[in-house]
Amino acid sequence: GGPHMVQTLVLVAAFLFLFQVIFLTSKNKLTDQQAFIWLVFAIGGVFAAFLLPWFNAFTLELGILYAPSLIIMLAFLVVLSFLVYHTTVISKQEKKMKTLIQEMTYMQKEIRELHESEQLK
């Protein structure tokens, strides 16, 4: 029981996450760039699960008595960084959409004017 059970549960969860990412990638639900990022996270999770006993010893050396608090803080920072990254991606996409809408509106106006000039002839 005890620490080995925790490590086993973390390993199972990490492998399930890895398989989920592989499945979504194989079904082309993720772009190549996004699939790569998620695969790195998933593989990192598997390695972290294997290194859990070492990590617990390391946190004790640092004077941290409750290792999960450090893990949660690190996970929070990673998720926060990921959200900031995706916010910048969404902002770029919104700018591109605005430009495309403006170009499409201009082209529709041009087409209308061409049709009107053709009808006058």
PDB file of N, CA and C in Angstrom:
ATOM      1  N   GLY A   1       0.821  -1.198   0.000  1.00  0.00           N
ATOM      2  CA  GLY A   1       0.000   0.000   0.000  1.00  0.00           C
ATOM      3  C   GLY A   1       0.853   1.245   0.000  1.00  0.00           C
ATOM      4  N   GLY A   2       0.370   2.274   0.652  1.00  0.00           N
ATOM      5  CA  GLY A   2       1.077   3.531   0.864  1.00  0.00           C
ATOM      6  C   GLY A   2       1.614   4.184  -0.385  1.00  0.00           C
ATOM      7  N   PRO A   3       2.928   4.530  -0.343  1.00  0.00           N
ATOM      8  CA  PRO A   3       3.532   5.285  -1.451  1.00  0.00           C
ATOM      9  C   PRO A   3       3.491   4.541  -2.790  1.00  0.00           C
ATOM     10  N   HIS A   4       3.588   3.206  -2.732  1.00  0.00           N
ATOM     11  CA  HIS A   4       3.579   2.450  -3.991  1.00  0.00           C
ATOM     12  C   HIS A   4       2.210   2.534  -4.665  1.00  0.00           C
ATOM     13  N   MET A   5       1.160   2.545  -3.858  1.00  0.00           N
ATOM     14  CA  MET A   5      -0.193   2.652  -4.406  1.00  0.00           C
ATOM     15  C   MET A   5      -0.393   4.013  -5.056  1.00  0.00           C
ATOM     16  N   VAL A   6       0.105   5.070  -4.420  1.00  0.00           N
ATOM     17  CA  VAL A   6       0.008   6.418  -4.983  1.00  0.00           C
ATOM     18  C   VAL A   6       0.743   6.474  -6.312  1.00  0.00           C
ATOM     19  N   GLN A   7       1.965   5.934  -6.341  1.00  0.00           N
ATOM     20  CA  GLN A   7       2.740   5.941  -7.578  1.00  0.00           C
ATOM     21  C   GLN A   7       2.024   5.142  -8.668  1.00  0.00           C
ATOM     22  N   THR A   8       1.433   4.029  -8.324  1.00  0.00           N
ATOM     23  CA  THR A   8       0.703   3.219  -9.299  1.00  0.00           C
ATOM     24  C   THR A   8      -0.486   3.998  -9.861  1.00  0.00           C
ATOM     25  N   LEU A   9      -1.237   4.669  -8.997  1.00  0.00           N
ATOM     26  CA  LEU A   9      -2.384   5.459  -9.449  1.00  0.00           C
ATOM     27  C   LEU A   9      -1.940   6.608 -10.361  1.00  0.00           C
ATOM     28  N   VAL A  10      -0.851   7.263  -9.990  1.00  0.00           N
ATOM     29  CA  VAL A  10      -0.340   8.364 -10.811  1.00  0.00           C
ATOM     30  C   VAL A  10       0.125   7.825 -12.160  1.00  0.00           C
ATOM     31  N   LEU A  11       0.787   6.671 -12.170  1.00  0.00           N
ATOM     32  CA  LEU A  11       1.223   6.061 -13.429  1.00  0.00           C
ATOM     33  C   LEU A  11       0.034   5.714 -14.314  1.00  0.00           C
ATOM     34  N   VAL A  12      -0.992   5.110 -13.736  1.00  0.00           N
ATOM     35  CA  VAL A  12      -2.194   4.763 -14.508  1.00  0.00           C
ATOM     36  C   VAL A  12      -2.814   6.033 -15.106  1.00  0.00           C
ATOM     37  N   ALA A  13      -2.956   7.074 -14.296  1.00  0.00           N
ATOM     38  CA  ALA A  13      -3.534   8.331 -14.779  1.00  0.00           C
ATOM     39  C   ALA A  13      -2.673   8.937 -15.892  1.00  0.00           C
ATOM     40  N   ALA A  14      -1.349   8.918 -15.717  1.00  0.00           N
ATOM     41  CA  ALA A  14      -0.442   9.484 -16.723  1.00  0.00           C
ATOM     42  C   ALA A  14      -0.537   8.706 -18.036  1.00  0.00           C
ATOM     43  N   PHE A  15      -0.597   7.369 -17.949  1.00  0.00           N
ATOM     44  CA  PHE A  15      -0.709   6.566 -19.172  1.00  0.00           C
ATOM     45  C   PHE A  15      -2.070   6.762 -19.840  1.00  0.00           C
ATOM     46  N   LEU A  16      -3.133   6.891 -19.059  1.00  0.00           N
ATOM     47  CA  LEU A  16      -4.449   7.165 -19.644  1.00  0.00           C
ATOM     48  C   LEU A  16      -4.442   8.497 -20.386  1.00  0.00           C
ATOM     49  N   PHE A  17      -3.815   9.500 -19.786  1.00  0.00           N
ATOM     50  CA  PHE A  17      -3.704  10.805 -20.434  1.00  0.00           C
ATOM     51  C   PHE A  17      -2.898  10.686 -21.727  1.00  0.00           C
ATOM     52  N   LEU A  18      -1.779   9.951 -21.679  1.00  0.00           N
ATOM     53  CA  LEU A  18      -0.947   9.748 -22.870  1.00  0.00           C
ATOM     54  C   LEU A  18      -1.753   9.056 -23.967  1.00  0.00           C
ATOM     55  N   PHE A  19      -2.494   8.009 -23.621  1.00  0.00           N
ATOM     56  CA  PHE A  19      -3.301   7.305 -24.623  1.00  0.00           C
ATOM     57  C   PHE A  19      -4.394   8.208 -25.194  1.00  0.00           C
ATOM     58  N   GLN A  20      -4.976   9.063 -24.355  1.00  0.00           N
ATOM     59  CA  GLN A  20      -5.982  10.007 -24.835  1.00  0.00           C
ATOM     60  C   GLN A  20      -5.374  10.953 -25.870  1.00  0.00           C
ATOM     61  N   VAL A  21      -4.189  11.477 -25.579  1.00  0.00           N
ATOM     62  CA  VAL A  21      -3.526  12.396 -26.507  1.00  0.00           C
ATOM     63  C   VAL A  21      -3.190  11.669 -27.818  1.00  0.00           C
ATOM     64  N   ILE A  22      -2.673  10.447 -27.711  1.00  0.00           N
ATOM     65  CA  ILE A  22      -2.346   9.672 -28.914  1.00  0.00           C
ATOM     66  C   ILE A  22      -3.613   9.403 -29.736  1.00  0.00           C
ATOM     67  N   PHE A  23      -4.707   9.049 -29.064  1.00  0.00           N
ATOM     68  CA  PHE A  23      -5.969   8.787 -29.755  1.00  0.00           C
ATOM     69  C   PHE A  23      -6.457  10.036 -30.493  1.00  0.00           C
ATOM     70  N   LEU A  24      -6.480  11.181 -29.793  1.00  0.00           N
ATOM     71  CA  LEU A  24      -6.932  12.423 -30.419  1.00  0.00           C
ATOM     72  C   LEU A  24      -6.026  12.827 -31.577  1.00  0.00           C
ATOM     73  N   THR A  25      -4.737  12.581 -31.432  1.00  0.00           N
ATOM     74  CA  THR A  25      -3.797  12.896 -32.504  1.00  0.00           C
ATOM     75  C   THR A  25      -4.048  11.993 -33.711  1.00  0.00           C
ATOM     76  N   SER A  26      -4.279  10.710 -33.456  1.00  0.00           N
ATOM     77  CA  SER A  26      -4.508   9.772 -34.558  1.00  0.00           C
ATOM     78  C   SER A  26      -5.805  10.075 -35.301  1.00  0.00           C
ATOM     79  N   LYS A  27      -6.776  10.671 -34.647  1.00  0.00           N
ATOM     80  CA  LYS A  27      -8.059  11.025 -35.278  1.00  0.00           C
ATOM     81  C   LYS A  27      -8.023  12.437 -35.867  1.00  0.00           C
ATOM     82  N   ASN A  28      -6.841  13.059 -35.893  1.00  0.00           N
ATOM     83  CA  ASN A  28      -6.658  14.416 -36.429  1.00  0.00           C
ATOM     84  C   ASN A  28      -7.554  15.443 -35.733  1.00  0.00           C
ATOM     85  N   LYS A  29      -7.763  15.273 -34.433  1.00  0.00           N
ATOM     86  CA  LYS A  29      -8.542  16.237 -33.655  1.00  0.00           C
ATOM     87  C   LYS A  29      -7.666  17.388 -33.158  1.00  0.00           C
ATOM     88  N   LEU A  30      -6.345  17.216 -33.257  1.00  0.00           N
ATOM     89  CA  LEU A  30      -5.393  18.234 -32.824  1.00  0.00           C
ATOM     90  C   LEU A  30      -4.492  18.604 -33.996  1.00  0.00           C
ATOM     91  N   THR A  31      -4.112  19.864 -34.070  1.00  0.00           N
ATOM     92  CA  THR A  31      -3.123  20.245 -35.077  1.00  0.00           C
ATOM     93  C   THR A  31      -1.777  19.633 -34.677  1.00  0.00           C
ATOM     94  N   ASP A  32      -0.848  19.582 -35.613  1.00  0.00           N
ATOM     95  CA  ASP A  32       0.461  18.989 -35.314  1.00  0.00           C
ATOM     96  C   ASP A  32       1.150  19.701 -34.156  1.00  0.00           C
ATOM     97  N   GLN A  33       1.089  21.025 -34.158  1.00  0.00           N
ATOM     98  CA  GLN A  33       1.742  21.797 -33.099  1.00  0.00           C
ATOM     99  C   GLN A  33       1.107  21.503 -31.748  1.00  0.00           C
ATOM    100  N   GLN A  34      -0.214  21.487 -31.692  1.00  0.00           N
ATOM    101  CA  GLN A  34      -0.906  21.201 -30.437  1.00  0.00           C
ATOM    102  C   GLN A  34      -0.668  19.767 -29.994  1.00  0.00           C
ATOM    103  N   ALA A  35      -0.683  18.834 -30.948  1.00  0.00           N
ATOM    104  CA  ALA A  35      -0.435  17.428 -30.612  1.00  0.00           C
ATOM    105  C   ALA A  35       0.953  17.272 -30.003  1.00  0.00           C
ATOM    106  N   PHE A  36       1.937  17.971 -30.557  1.00  0.00           N
ATOM    107  CA  PHE A  36       3.297  17.883 -30.029  1.00  0.00           C
ATOM    108  C   PHE A  36       3.360  18.386 -28.592  1.00  0.00           C
ATOM    109  N   ILE A  37       2.732  19.529 -28.354  1.00  0.00           N
ATOM    110  CA  ILE A  37       2.737  20.111 -27.003  1.00  0.00           C
ATOM    111  C   ILE A  37       2.090  19.149 -26.010  1.00  0.00           C
ATOM    112  N   TRP A  38       0.923  18.583 -26.384  1.00  0.00           N
ATOM    113  CA  TRP A  38       0.229  17.670 -25.478  1.00  0.00           C
ATOM    114  C   TRP A  38       1.002  16.374 -25.290  1.00  0.00           C
ATOM    115  N   LEU A  39       1.671  15.901 -26.342  1.00  0.00           N
ATOM    116  CA  LEU A  39       2.488  14.686 -26.189  1.00  0.00           C
ATOM    117  C   LEU A  39       3.646  14.929 -25.228  1.00  0.00           C
ATOM    118  N   VAL A  40       4.253  16.103 -25.313  1.00  0.00           N
ATOM    119  CA  VAL A  40       5.344  16.444 -24.387  1.00  0.00           C
ATOM    120  C   VAL A  40       4.815  16.440 -22.947  1.00  0.00           C
ATOM    121  N   PHE A  41       3.640  17.059 -22.734  1.00  0.00           N
ATOM    122  CA  PHE A  41       3.047  17.064 -21.391  1.00  0.00           C
ATOM    123  C   PHE A  41       2.736  15.646 -20.916  1.00  0.00           C
ATOM    124  N   ALA A  42       2.162  14.842 -21.810  1.00  0.00           N
ATOM    125  CA  ALA A  42       1.776  13.485 -21.429  1.00  0.00           C
ATOM    126  C   ALA A  42       3.003  12.626 -21.101  1.00  0.00           C
ATOM    127  N   ILE A  43       4.027  12.711 -21.924  1.00  0.00           N
ATOM    128  CA  ILE A  43       5.255  11.942 -21.662  1.00  0.00           C
ATOM    129  C   ILE A  43       5.932  12.460 -20.396  1.00  0.00           C
ATOM    130  N   GLY A  44       5.909  13.782 -20.213  1.00  0.00           N
ATOM    131  CA  GLY A  44       6.450  14.359 -18.979  1.00  0.00           C
ATOM    132  C   GLY A  44       5.708  13.849 -17.754  1.00  0.00           C
ATOM    133  N   GLY A  45       4.395  13.686 -17.872  1.00  0.00           N
ATOM    134  CA  GLY A  45       3.601  13.147 -16.771  1.00  0.00           C
ATOM    135  C   GLY A  45       3.975  11.718 -16.433  1.00  0.00           C
ATOM    136  N   VAL A  46       4.241  10.911 -17.460  1.00  0.00           N
ATOM    137  CA  VAL A  46       4.659   9.521 -17.235  1.00  0.00           C
ATOM    138  C   VAL A  46       6.018   9.498 -16.530  1.00  0.00           C
ATOM    139  N   PHE A  47       6.958  10.317 -17.009  1.00  0.00           N
ATOM    140  CA  PHE A  47       8.273  10.373 -16.350  1.00  0.00           C
ATOM    141  C   PHE A  47       8.144  10.858 -14.906  1.00  0.00           C
ATOM    142  N   ALA A  48       7.298  11.868 -14.699  1.00  0.00           N
ATOM    143  CA  ALA A  48       7.099  12.387 -13.345  1.00  0.00           C
ATOM    144  C   ALA A  48       6.543  11.303 -12.426  1.00  0.00           C
ATOM    145  N   ALA A  49       5.653  10.485 -12.958  1.00  0.00           N
ATOM    146  CA  ALA A  49       5.087   9.394 -12.154  1.00  0.00           C
ATOM    147  C   ALA A  49       6.161   8.387 -11.755  1.00  0.00           C
ATOM    148  N   PHE A  50       7.062   8.071 -12.681  1.00  0.00           N
ATOM    149  CA  PHE A  50       8.150   7.147 -12.364  1.00  0.00           C
ATOM    150  C   PHE A  50       9.121   7.742 -11.344  1.00  0.00           C
ATOM    151  N   LEU A  51       9.286   9.072 -11.389  1.00  0.00           N
ATOM    152  CA  LEU A  51      10.245   9.750 -10.514  1.00  0.00           C
ATOM    153  C   LEU A  51       9.631  10.217  -9.189  1.00  0.00           C
ATOM    154  N   LEU A  52       8.387   9.831  -8.934  1.00  0.00           N
ATOM    155  CA  LEU A  52       7.690  10.299  -7.734  1.00  0.00           C
ATOM    156  C   LEU A  52       8.448  10.015  -6.436  1.00  0.00           C
ATOM    157  N   PRO A  53       8.993   8.808  -6.225  1.00  0.00           N
ATOM    158  CA  PRO A  53       9.746   8.575  -4.975  1.00  0.00           C
ATOM    159  C   PRO A  53      10.968   9.502  -4.854  1.00  0.00           C
ATOM    160  N   TRP A  54      11.675   9.709  -5.961  1.00  0.00           N
ATOM    161  CA  TRP A  54      12.830  10.617  -5.950  1.00  0.00           C
ATOM    162  C   TRP A  54      12.365  12.041  -5.645  1.00  0.00           C
ATOM    163  N   PHE A  55      11.241  12.449  -6.250  1.00  0.00           N
ATOM    164  CA  PHE A  55      10.717  13.796  -6.039  1.00  0.00           C
ATOM    165  C   PHE A  55      10.345  14.009  -4.575  1.00  0.00           C
ATOM    166  N   ASN A  56       9.728  13.002  -3.949  1.00  0.00           N
ATOM    167  CA  ASN A  56       9.375  13.110  -2.530  1.00  0.00           C
ATOM    168  C   ASN A  56      10.620  13.300  -1.669  1.00  0.00           C
ATOM    169  N   ALA A  57      11.671  12.541  -1.955  1.00  0.00           N
ATOM    170  CA  ALA A  57      12.929  12.680  -1.203  1.00  0.00           C
ATOM    171  C   ALA A  57      13.545  14.060  -1.442  1.00  0.00           C
ATOM    172  N   PHE A  58      13.478  14.530  -2.682  1.00  0.00           N
ATOM    173  CA  PHE A  58      14.032  15.834  -3.043  1.00  0.00           C
ATOM    174  C   PHE A  58      13.309  16.961  -2.310  1.00  0.00           C
ATOM    175  N   THR A  59      11.973  16.881  -2.243  1.00  0.00           N
ATOM    176  CA  THR A  59      11.223  17.930  -1.543  1.00  0.00           C
ATOM    177  C   THR A  59      11.537  17.947  -0.048  1.00  0.00           C
ATOM    178  N   LEU A  60      11.761  16.766   0.523  1.00  0.00           N
ATOM    179  CA  LEU A  60      12.154  16.725   1.944  1.00  0.00           C
ATOM    180  C   LEU A  60      13.505  17.397   2.152  1.00  0.00           C
ATOM    181  N   GLU A  61      14.429  17.192   1.198  1.00  0.00           N
ATOM    182  CA  GLU A  61      15.746  17.852   1.270  1.00  0.00           C
ATOM    183  C   GLU A  61      15.601  19.374   1.215  1.00  0.00           C
ATOM    184  N   LEU A  62      14.606  19.842   0.455  1.00  0.00           N
ATOM    185  CA  LEU A  62      14.367  21.287   0.356  1.00  0.00           C
ATOM    186  C   LEU A  62      13.651  21.838   1.584  1.00  0.00           C
ATOM    187  N   GLY A  63      13.178  20.951   2.440  1.00  0.00           N
ATOM    188  CA  GLY A  63      12.461  21.390   3.635  1.00  0.00           C
ATOM    189  C   GLY A  63      10.964  21.473   3.433  1.00  0.00           C
ATOM    190  N   ILE A  64      10.483  20.939   2.309  1.00  0.00           N
ATOM    191  CA  ILE A  64       9.043  20.925   2.041  1.00  0.00           C
ATOM    192  C   ILE A  64       8.503  19.615   2.588  1.00  0.00           C
ATOM    193  N   LEU A  65       7.645  19.699   3.582  1.00  0.00           N
ATOM    194  CA  LEU A  65       7.170  18.496   4.256  1.00  0.00           C
ATOM    195  C   LEU A  65       6.035  17.804   3.512  1.00  0.00           C
ATOM    196  N   TYR A  66       5.315  18.552   2.682  1.00  0.00           N
ATOM    197  CA  TYR A  66       4.171  17.975   1.971  1.00  0.00           C
ATOM    198  C   TYR A  66       4.383  18.158   0.465  1.00  0.00           C
ATOM    199  N   ALA A  67       4.961  17.152  -0.167  1.00  0.00           N
ATOM    200  CA  ALA A  67       5.337  17.224  -1.591  1.00  0.00           C
ATOM    201  C   ALA A  67       4.162  17.567  -2.516  1.00  0.00           C
ATOM    202  N   PRO A  68       2.940  17.052  -2.271  1.00  0.00           N
ATOM    203  CA  PRO A  68       1.844  17.402  -3.178  1.00  0.00           C
ATOM    204  C   PRO A  68       1.590  18.903  -3.301  1.00  0.00           C
ATOM    205  N   SER A  69       1.884  19.676  -2.256  1.00  0.00           N
ATOM    206  CA  SER A  69       1.682  21.127  -2.360  1.00  0.00           C
ATOM    207  C   SER A  69       2.596  21.728  -3.420  1.00  0.00           C
ATOM    208  N   LEU A  70       3.835  21.249  -3.508  1.00  0.00           N
ATOM    209  CA  LEU A  70       4.752  21.731  -4.542  1.00  0.00           C
ATOM    210  C   LEU A  70       4.291  21.277  -5.920  1.00  0.00           C
ATOM    211  N   ILE A  71       3.817  20.044  -6.008  1.00  0.00           N
ATOM    212  CA  ILE A  71       3.327  19.519  -7.289  1.00  0.00           C
ATOM    213  C   ILE A  71       2.133  20.340  -7.767  1.00  0.00           C
ATOM    214  N   ILE A  72       1.216  20.643  -6.854  1.00  0.00           N
ATOM    215  CA  ILE A  72       0.037  21.433  -7.225  1.00  0.00           C
ATOM    216  C   ILE A  72       0.448  22.826  -7.670  1.00  0.00           C
ATOM    217  N   MET A  73       1.389  23.444  -6.968  1.00  0.00           N
ATOM    218  CA  MET A  73       1.847  24.770  -7.351  1.00  0.00           C
ATOM    219  C   MET A  73       2.488  24.744  -8.736  1.00  0.00           C
ATOM    220  N   LEU A  74       3.352  23.752  -8.988  1.00  0.00           N
ATOM    221  CA  LEU A  74       3.995  23.641 -10.302  1.00  0.00           C
ATOM    222  C   LEU A  74       2.969  23.377 -11.396  1.00  0.00           C
ATOM    223  N   ALA A  75       2.017  22.497 -11.113  1.00  0.00           N
ATOM    224  CA  ALA A  75       0.966  22.200 -12.092  1.00  0.00           C
ATOM    225  C   ALA A  75       0.135  23.453 -12.384  1.00  0.00           C
ATOM    226  N   PHE A  76      -0.164  24.213 -11.348  1.00  0.00           N
ATOM    227  CA  PHE A  76      -0.921  25.450 -11.522  1.00  0.00           C
ATOM    228  C   PHE A  76      -0.157  26.426 -12.420  1.00  0.00           C
ATOM    229  N   LEU A  77       1.143  26.564 -12.197  1.00  0.00           N
ATOM    230  CA  LEU A  77       1.953  27.466 -13.024  1.00  0.00           C
ATOM    231  C   LEU A  77       2.018  26.999 -14.478  1.00  0.00           C
ATOM    232  N   VAL A  78       2.107  25.694 -14.687  1.00  0.00           N
ATOM    233  CA  VAL A  78       2.131  25.154 -16.050  1.00  0.00           C
ATOM    234  C   VAL A  78       0.794  25.419 -16.738  1.00  0.00           C
ATOM    235  N   VAL A  79      -0.310  25.146 -16.044  1.00  0.00           N
ATOM    236  CA  VAL A  79      -1.638  25.371 -16.622  1.00  0.00           C
ATOM    237  C   VAL A  79      -1.849  26.859 -16.896  1.00  0.00           C
ATOM    238  N   LEU A  80      -1.427  27.704 -15.981  1.00  0.00           N
ATOM    239  CA  LEU A  80      -1.555  29.148 -16.175  1.00  0.00           C
ATOM    240  C   LEU A  80      -0.749  29.601 -17.399  1.00  0.00           C
ATOM    241  N   SER A  81       0.459  29.104 -17.540  1.00  0.00           N
ATOM    242  CA  SER A  81       1.289  29.441 -18.710  1.00  0.00           C
ATOM    243  C   SER A  81       0.619  28.968 -19.993  1.00  0.00           C
ATOM    244  N   PHE A  82       0.046  27.774 -19.942  1.00  0.00           N
ATOM    245  CA  PHE A  82      -0.638  27.223 -21.104  1.00  0.00           C
ATOM    246  C   PHE A  82      -1.850  28.082 -21.478  1.00  0.00           C
ATOM    247  N   LEU A  83      -2.584  28.568 -20.477  1.00  0.00           N
ATOM    248  CA  LEU A  83      -3.729  29.439 -20.737  1.00  0.00           C
ATOM    249  C   LEU A  83      -3.290  30.761 -21.357  1.00  0.00           C
ATOM    250  N   VAL A  84      -2.211  31.327 -20.866  1.00  0.00           N
ATOM    251  CA  VAL A  84      -1.699  32.576 -21.439  1.00  0.00           C
ATOM    252  C   VAL A  84      -1.294  32.354 -22.896  1.00  0.00           C
ATOM    253  N   TYR A  85      -0.618  31.233 -23.169  1.00  0.00           N
ATOM    254  CA  TYR A  85      -0.218  30.911 -24.541  1.00  0.00           C
ATOM    255  C   TYR A  85      -1.441  30.810 -25.444  1.00  0.00           C
ATOM    256  N   HIS A  86      -2.476  30.096 -24.980  1.00  0.00           N
ATOM    257  CA  HIS A  86      -3.670  29.938 -25.803  1.00  0.00           C
ATOM    258  C   HIS A  86      -4.430  31.250 -25.963  1.00  0.00           C
ATOM    259  N   THR A  87      -4.341  32.128 -24.986  1.00  0.00           N
ATOM    260  CA  THR A  87      -4.952  33.442 -25.118  1.00  0.00           C
ATOM    261  C   THR A  87      -4.280  34.227 -26.234  1.00  0.00           C
ATOM    262  N   THR A  88      -2.955  34.130 -26.334  1.00  0.00           N
ATOM    263  CA  THR A  88      -2.261  34.824 -27.429  1.00  0.00           C
ATOM    264  C   THR A  88      -2.635  34.213 -28.779  1.00  0.00           C
ATOM    265  N   VAL A  89      -2.790  32.894 -28.835  1.00  0.00           N
ATOM    266  CA  VAL A  89      -3.190  32.236 -30.083  1.00  0.00           C
ATOM    267  C   VAL A  89      -4.590  32.700 -30.484  1.00  0.00           C
ATOM    268  N   ILE A  90      -5.509  32.752 -29.521  1.00  0.00           N
ATOM    269  CA  ILE A  90      -6.874  33.201 -29.806  1.00  0.00           C
ATOM    270  C   ILE A  90      -6.869  34.653 -30.275  1.00  0.00           C
ATOM    271  N   SER A  91      -6.048  35.491 -29.658  1.00  0.00           N
ATOM    272  CA  SER A  91      -5.971  36.900 -30.062  1.00  0.00           C
ATOM    273  C   SER A  91      -5.497  37.020 -31.509  1.00  0.00           C
ATOM    274  N   LYS A  92      -4.489  36.246 -31.874  1.00  0.00           N
ATOM    275  CA  LYS A  92      -4.002  36.267 -33.267  1.00  0.00           C
ATOM    276  C   LYS A  92      -5.096  35.805 -34.222  1.00  0.00           C
ATOM    277  N   GLN A  93      -5.830  34.754 -33.841  1.00  0.00           N
ATOM    278  CA  GLN A  93      -6.899  34.240 -34.694  1.00  0.00           C
ATOM    279  C   GLN A  93      -8.009  35.276 -34.856  1.00  0.00           C
ATOM    280  N   GLU A  94      -8.321  36.001 -33.779  1.00  0.00           N
ATOM    281  CA  GLU A  94      -9.353  37.035 -33.861  1.00  0.00           C
ATOM    282  C   GLU A  94      -8.930  38.150 -34.811  1.00  0.00           C
ATOM    283  N   LYS A  95      -7.660  38.537 -34.781  1.00  0.00           N
ATOM    284  CA  LYS A  95      -7.168  39.569 -35.697  1.00  0.00           C
ATOM    285  C   LYS A  95      -7.250  39.084 -37.138  1.00  0.00           C
ATOM    286  N   LYS A  96      -6.885  37.830 -37.377  1.00  0.00           N
ATOM    287  CA  LYS A  96      -6.960  37.271 -38.726  1.00  0.00           C
ATOM    288  C   LYS A  96      -8.410  37.228 -39.204  1.00  0.00           C
ATOM    289  N   MET A  97      -9.329  36.828 -38.303  1.00  0.00           N
ATOM    290  CA  MET A  97     -10.750  36.770 -38.675  1.00  0.00           C
ATOM    291  C   MET A  97     -11.260  38.155 -39.046  1.00  0.00           C
ATOM    292  N   LYS A  98     -10.875  39.155 -38.265  1.00  0.00           N
ATOM    293  CA  LYS A  98     -11.323  40.520 -38.536  1.00  0.00           C
ATOM    294  C   LYS A  98     -10.838  40.965 -39.915  1.00  0.00           C
ATOM    295  N   THR A  99      -9.565  40.675 -40.214  1.00  0.00           N
ATOM    296  CA  THR A  99      -9.005  41.037 -41.519  1.00  0.00           C
ATOM    297  C   THR A  99      -9.733  40.309 -42.637  1.00  0.00           C
ATOM    298  N   LEU A 100      -9.984  39.013 -42.456  1.00  0.00           N
ATOM    299  CA  LEU A 100     -10.691  38.239 -43.479  1.00  0.00           C
ATOM    300  C   LEU A 100     -12.105  38.768 -43.706  1.00  0.00           C
ATOM    301  N   ILE A 101     -12.791  39.122 -42.639  1.00  0.00           N
ATOM    302  CA  ILE A 101     -14.153  39.657 -42.767  1.00  0.00           C
ATOM    303  C   ILE A 101     -14.129  40.976 -43.526  1.00  0.00           C
ATOM    304  N   GLN A 102     -13.149  41.815 -43.200  1.00  0.00           N
ATOM    305  CA  GLN A 102     -13.041  43.103 -43.901  1.00  0.00           C
ATOM    306  C   GLN A 102     -12.739  42.883 -45.380  1.00  0.00           C
ATOM    307  N   GLU A 103     -11.817  41.957 -45.688  1.00  0.00           N
ATOM    308  CA  GLU A 103     -11.487  41.676 -47.087  1.00  0.00           C
ATOM    309  C   GLU A 103     -12.681  41.099 -47.829  1.00  0.00           C
ATOM    310  N   MET A 104     -13.428  40.211 -47.176  1.00  0.00           N
ATOM    311  CA  MET A 104     -14.590  39.611 -47.812  1.00  0.00           C
ATOM    312  C   MET A 104     -15.664  40.666 -48.087  1.00  0.00           C
ATOM    313  N   THR A 105     -15.866  41.570 -47.145  1.00  0.00           N
ATOM    314  CA  THR A 105     -16.840  42.642 -47.331  1.00  0.00           C
ATOM    315  C   THR A 105     -16.436  43.523 -48.503  1.00  0.00           C
ATOM    316  N   TYR A 106     -15.158  43.844 -48.597  1.00  0.00           N
ATOM    317  CA  TYR A 106     -14.660  44.665 -49.699  1.00  0.00           C
ATOM    318  C   TYR A 106     -14.863  43.940 -51.034  1.00  0.00           C
ATOM    319  N   MET A 107     -14.575  42.636 -51.066  1.00  0.00           N
ATOM    320  CA  MET A 107     -14.731  41.868 -52.296  1.00  0.00           C
ATOM    321  C   MET A 107     -16.202  41.766 -52.703  1.00  0.00           C
ATOM    322  N   GLN A 108     -17.096  41.612 -51.739  1.00  0.00           N
ATOM    323  CA  GLN A 108     -18.527  41.573 -52.047  1.00  0.00           C
ATOM    324  C   GLN A 108     -18.986  42.899 -52.651  1.00  0.00           C
ATOM    325  N   LYS A 109     -18.457  43.986 -52.115  1.00  0.00           N
ATOM    326  CA  LYS A 109     -18.778  45.309 -52.649  1.00  0.00           C
ATOM    327  C   LYS A 109     -18.282  45.428 -54.086  1.00  0.00           C
ATOM    328  N   GLU A 110     -17.054  44.949 -54.334  1.00  0.00           N
ATOM    329  CA  GLU A 110     -16.489  44.986 -55.680  1.00  0.00           C
ATOM    330  C   GLU A 110     -17.344  44.166 -56.647  1.00  0.00           C
ATOM    331  N   ILE A 111     -17.778  42.997 -56.224  1.00  0.00           N
ATOM    332  CA  ILE A 111     -18.597  42.127 -57.080  1.00  0.00           C
ATOM    333  C   ILE A 111     -19.925  42.797 -57.386  1.00  0.00           C
ATOM    334  N   ARG A 112     -20.542  43.390 -56.354  1.00  0.00           N
ATOM    335  CA  ARG A 112     -21.805  44.100 -56.565  1.00  0.00           C
ATOM    336  C   ARG A 112     -21.634  45.223 -57.592  1.00  0.00           C
ATOM    337  N   GLU A 113     -20.559  45.975 -57.448  1.00  0.00           N
ATOM    338  CA  GLU A 113     -20.312  47.089 -58.376  1.00  0.00           C
ATOM    339  C   GLU A 113     -20.076  46.574 -59.784  1.00  0.00           C
ATOM    340  N   LEU A 114     -19.376  45.441 -59.922  1.00  0.00           N
ATOM    341  CA  LEU A 114     -19.161  44.854 -61.250  1.00  0.00           C
ATOM    342  C   LEU A 114     -20.483  44.413 -61.874  1.00  0.00           C
ATOM    343  N   HIS A 115     -21.340  43.784 -61.082  1.00  0.00           N
ATOM    344  CA  HIS A 115     -22.652  43.355 -61.582  1.00  0.00           C
ATOM    345  C   HIS A 115     -23.488  44.552 -62.004  1.00  0.00           C
ATOM    346  N   GLU A 116     -23.443  45.603 -61.197  1.00  0.00           N
ATOM    347  CA  GLU A 116     -24.218  46.803 -61.532  1.00  0.00           C
ATOM    348  C   GLU A 116     -23.706  47.454 -62.814  1.00  0.00           C
ATOM    349  N   SER A 117     -22.396  47.483 -62.984  1.00  0.00           N
ATOM    350  CA  SER A 117     -21.835  48.105 -64.204  1.00  0.00           C
ATOM    351  C   SER A 117     -22.141  47.240 -65.431  1.00  0.00           C
ATOM    352  N   GLU A 118     -22.205  45.933 -65.269  1.00  0.00           N
ATOM    353  CA  GLU A 118     -22.556  45.029 -66.363  1.00  0.00           C
ATOM    354  C   GLU A 118     -24.022  45.216 -66.756  1.00  0.00           C
ATOM    355  N   GLN A 119     -24.864  45.451 -65.787  1.00  0.00           N
ATOM    356  CA  GLN A 119     -26.290  45.625 -66.071  1.00  0.00           C
ATOM    357  C   GLN A 119     -26.564  46.935 -66.790  1.00  0.00           C
ATOM    358  N   LEU A 120     -25.711  47.923 -66.581  1.00  0.00           N
ATOM    359  CA  LEU A 120     -25.906  49.219 -67.236  1.00  0.00           C
ATOM    360  C   LEU A 120     -25.536  49.166 -68.708  1.00  0.00           C
ATOM    361  N   LYS A 121     -24.727  48.204 -69.103  1.00  0.00           N
ATOM    362  CA  LYS A 121     -24.288  48.139 -70.514  1.00  0.00           C
ATOM    363  C   LYS A 121     -25.340  47.593 -71.423  1.00  0.00           C
TER     364      LYS A 121
END
